Amino acid sequence: MDGYCRYIDCVEGEVHVGYFKDDMPQGKYARFSLDGEVQEQGIKEEDELVKDYEVMNFMTRVLK
């Protein structure tokens, strides 16, 4: 995955939304359970959540 992507992980029962580079989260990112509950959101660089904040819009720019 590269760029803005959304995917459903049926094995883990999660939905991932955000920006990716080489299949890893890179930038705005949110992870939800299949019932819509937010599991994690903010700025993510690969496996590390750099900044925890509520993502209101994936189209506006955010500075770290």
Protein backbone atom coordinates (compact mmCIF):
# COMPACT_ATOMS: atom_id res chain seq x y z
CA MET A 1 0.00 0.00 0.00
CA ASP A 2 1.22 3.48 -0.85
CA GLY A 3 -0.63 6.76 -0.31
CA TYR A 4 -4.10 7.05 1.19
CA CYS A 5 -5.59 3.59 1.79
CA ARG A 6 -8.44 1.89 3.61
CA TYR A 7 -8.51 -1.81 4.30
CA ILE A 8 -10.49 -4.30 6.32
CA ASP A 9 -8.58 -6.95 8.23
CA CYS A 10 -11.10 -9.78 8.59
CA VAL A 11 -8.68 -11.92 10.61
CA GLU A 12 -8.16 -9.30 13.34
CA GLY A 13 -11.60 -7.72 12.90
CA GLU A 14 -10.26 -4.20 12.30
CA VAL A 15 -10.49 -1.40 9.76
CA HIS A 16 -7.34 0.64 9.00
CA VAL A 17 -7.57 4.08 7.38
CA GLY A 18 -4.77 6.50 6.60
CA TYR A 19 -1.58 7.13 4.70
CA PHE A 20 0.85 4.31 4.01
CA LYS A 21 4.29 3.88 2.49
CA ASP A 22 5.59 0.43 1.59
CA ASP A 23 2.63 -1.20 3.41
CA MET A 24 3.40 0.59 6.71
CA PRO A 25 1.43 3.50 8.26
CA GLN A 26 3.15 6.82 7.56
CA GLY A 27 1.21 9.93 8.63
CA LYS A 28 -2.45 10.33 9.57
CA TYR A 29 -3.82 6.98 10.65
CA ALA A 30 -6.84 5.51 12.41
CA ARG A 31 -7.74 1.95 13.38
CA PHE A 32 -11.31 0.91 14.20
CA SER A 33 -13.01 -2.26 15.34
CA LEU A 34 -15.61 -3.59 12.90
CA ASP A 35 -18.38 -2.09 15.07
CA GLY A 36 -16.86 1.41 14.58
CA GLU A 37 -15.09 1.87 17.93
CA VAL A 38 -11.83 3.82 17.60
CA GLN A 39 -8.85 1.68 18.64
CA GLU A 40 -6.03 4.08 17.75
CA GLN A 41 -5.68 7.38 15.87
CA GLY A 42 -3.18 10.13 15.22
CA ILE A 43 0.17 10.42 13.43
CA LYS A 44 1.85 7.08 12.99
CA GLU A 45 5.28 6.17 11.63
CA GLU A 46 5.39 2.43 10.98
CA ASP A 47 4.66 0.78 14.37
CA GLU A 48 5.04 3.91 16.52
CA LEU A 49 2.20 6.34 17.28
CA VAL A 50 4.13 9.63 17.18
CA LYS A 51 1.21 11.92 18.06
CA ASP A 52 -2.10 10.82 19.56
CA TYR A 53 -4.98 13.06 18.47
CA GLU A 54 -8.49 12.81 17.03
CA VAL A 55 -8.37 12.65 13.24
CA MET A 56 -11.25 14.78 12.00
CA ASN A 57 -10.30 14.95 8.32
CA PHE A 58 -7.77 13.04 6.24
CA MET A 59 -7.62 15.78 3.59
CA THR A 60 -6.14 18.63 5.70
CA ARG A 61 -2.46 18.90 6.52
CA VAL A 62 -1.18 18.39 10.07
CA LEU A 63 2.21 19.44 11.35
CA LYS A 64 3.99 17.11 13.72
